[in-house]
C-alpha atoms as a PDB file:
ATOM      1  CA  ASP A   1       0.091   0.139   0.268  1.00  0.00           C
ATOM      2  CA  ASN A   2       1.501   3.669  -0.935  1.00  0.00           C
ATOM      3  CA  ASN A   3      -1.351   5.972   0.528  1.00  0.00           C
ATOM      4  CA  GLY A   4       0.913   6.747   3.302  1.00  0.00           C
ATOM      5  CA  GLY A   5       3.503   8.092   0.689  1.00  0.00           C
ATOM      6  CA  GLU A   6       1.213   9.505  -1.193  1.00  0.00           C
ATOM      7  CA  ARG A   7      -0.632  11.399   1.798  1.00  0.00           C
ATOM      8  CA  GLY A   8       3.381  12.699   2.126  1.00  0.00           C
ATOM      9  CA  ILE A   9       3.600  14.425  -0.715  1.00  0.00           C
ATOM     10  CA  ARG A  10       0.196  15.362  -1.031  1.00  0.00           C
ATOM     11  CA  PRO A  11       0.890  19.102   0.298  1.00  0.00           C
ATOM     12  CA  ALA A  12       3.737  19.849  -2.476  1.00  0.00           C
ATOM     13  CA  VAL A  13       1.612  18.877  -5.361  1.00  0.00           C
ATOM     14  CA  LEU A  14      -0.735  21.181  -3.837  1.00  0.00           C
ATOM     15  CA  ILE A  15       1.137  23.971  -3.798  1.00  0.00           C
ATOM     16  CA  ARG A  16       3.016  23.106  -7.196  1.00  0.00           C
ATOM     17  CA  LYS A  17      -0.802  22.930  -8.833  1.00  0.00           C
ATOM     18  CA  ASN A  18      -2.374  26.188  -6.946  1.00  0.00           C
ATOM     19  CA  SER A  19       1.046  28.145  -7.981  1.00  0.00           C
ATOM     20  CA  TYR A  20       0.645  26.757 -11.577  1.00  0.00           C
ATOM     21  CA  GLY A  21       3.749  24.991 -11.468  1.00  0.00           C
ATOM     22  CA  ASN A  22       7.296  25.999 -11.198  1.00  0.00           C
ATOM     23  CA  GLY A  23       8.445  28.307 -13.319  1.00  0.00           C
ATOM     24  CA  SER A  24      12.138  26.761 -13.970  1.00  0.00           C
ATOM     25  CA  GLU A  25      14.467  23.911 -12.787  1.00  0.00           C
ATOM     26  CA  ARG A  26      16.372  26.011 -10.227  1.00  0.00           C
ATOM     27  CA  GLY A  27      12.455  27.112  -8.837  1.00  0.00           C
ATOM     28  CA  ALA A  28      11.669  23.239  -8.838  1.00  0.00           C
ATOM     29  CA  GLN A  29      14.665  22.506  -6.802  1.00  0.00           C
ATOM     30  CA  THR A  30      13.994  25.098  -4.674  1.00  0.00           C
ATOM     31  CA  GLN A  31      10.751  24.004  -3.854  1.00  0.00           C
ATOM     32  CA  ALA A  32      11.734  20.568  -3.302  1.00  0.00           C
ATOM     33  CA  VAL A  33      14.436  21.178  -0.947  1.00  0.00           C
ATOM     34  CA  MET A  34      11.509  23.967   1.476  1.00  0.00           C
ATOM     35  CA  MET A  35       9.046  20.719   1.114  1.00  0.00           C
ATOM     36  CA  THR A  36      11.732  18.554   2.395  1.00  0.00           C
ATOM     37  CA  ILE A  37      12.610  20.808   5.435  1.00  0.00           C
ATOM     38  CA  MET A  38       8.942  21.699   6.230  1.00  0.00           C
ATOM     39  CA  ARG A  39       7.957  18.057   6.341  1.00  0.00           C
ATOM     40  CA  THR A  40      11.124  16.780   8.718  1.00  0.00           C
ATOM     41  CA  LEU A  41      10.381  19.529  10.569  1.00  0.00           C
ATOM     42  CA  LYS A  42       6.819  18.302  11.283  1.00  0.00           C
ATOM     43  CA  MET A  43       7.758  14.900  11.718  1.00  0.00           C
ATOM     44  CA  ARG A  44       9.837  16.067  14.436  1.00  0.00           C
ATOM     45  CA  GLU A  45       7.400  17.658  16.001  1.00  0.00           C
ATOM     46  CA  HIS A  46       8.621  21.476  15.404  1.00  0.00           C
ATOM     47  CA  ASN A  47       6.329  24.450  14.172  1.00  0.00           C
ATOM     48  CA  PRO A  48       8.215  24.589  10.646  1.00  0.00           C
ATOM     49  CA  VAL A  49       7.596  27.964   9.964  1.00  0.00           C
ATOM     50  CA  GLN A  50       8.742  29.425  13.166  1.00  0.00           C
ATOM     51  CA  ILE A  51      11.878  27.143  13.091  1.00  0.00           C
ATOM     52  CA  CYS A  52      12.441  28.945   9.275  1.00  0.00           C
ATOM     53  CA  VAL A  53      12.093  32.449  10.401  1.00  0.00           C
ATOM     54  CA  ASP A  54      14.471  31.228  12.925  1.00  0.00           C
ATOM     55  CA  ALA A  55      16.901  30.107  10.781  1.00  0.00           C
ATOM     56  CA  LEU A  56      16.711  33.277   8.614  1.00  0.00           C
ATOM     57  CA  LYS A  57      17.427  35.669  11.610  1.00  0.00           C
ATOM     58  CA  SER A  58      20.576  33.364  12.130  1.00  0.00           C
ATOM     59  CA  TYR A  59      21.679  33.583   8.889  1.00  0.00           C
ATOM     60  CA  VAL A  60      21.494  37.245   8.622  1.00  0.00           C
ATOM     61  CA  ARG A  61      23.454  37.967  12.298  1.00  0.00           C
ATOM     62  CA  SER A  62      25.958  35.436  11.683  1.00  0.00           C
ATOM     63  CA  GLY A  63      26.279  34.278   7.610  1.00  0.00           C
ATOM     64  CA  LYS A  64      25.858  30.295   8.616  1.00  0.00           C
ATOM     65  CA  LEU A  65      22.471  28.105   8.747  1.00  0.00           C
ATOM     66  CA  PRO A  66      21.934  26.398  12.020  1.00  0.00           C
ATOM     67  CA  PRO A  67      21.210  22.558  11.868  1.00  0.00           C
ATOM     68  CA  LEU A  68      17.765  21.304  12.152  1.00  0.00           C
ATOM     69  CA  PRO A  69      16.448  20.545  15.598  1.00  0.00           C
ATOM     70  CA  THR A  70      15.931  16.786  16.621  1.00  0.00           C
ATOM     71  CA  LYS A  71      12.671  15.609  17.357  1.00  0.00           C
ATOM     72  CA  ILE A  72      11.797  16.384  21.309  1.00  0.00           C
ATOM     73  CA  THR A  73       9.785  13.445  23.123  1.00  0.00           C
ATOM     74  CA  ALA A  74       8.569  13.475  27.031  1.00  0.00           C
ATOM     75  CA  ASN A  75      10.509  10.161  27.045  1.00  0.00           C
ATOM     76  CA  GLY A  76      13.631  11.586  25.497  1.00  0.00           C
END
């Protein structure tokens, strides 16, 4: 059953559809990277938008992007 995989890519497909596709190969690659980051952060139970905002602020200050945070669980 591939239903889980299809559900996983659905948000990216809907974004691409609603924005009338990617205008270039570079745009497609950028979207793929951003969707991977967003899905990873969601799976790690973080707020993806806030993490991206914080990462961009850090980049502006230091010129370096911080690593993605790891999953925080109740049992460590």
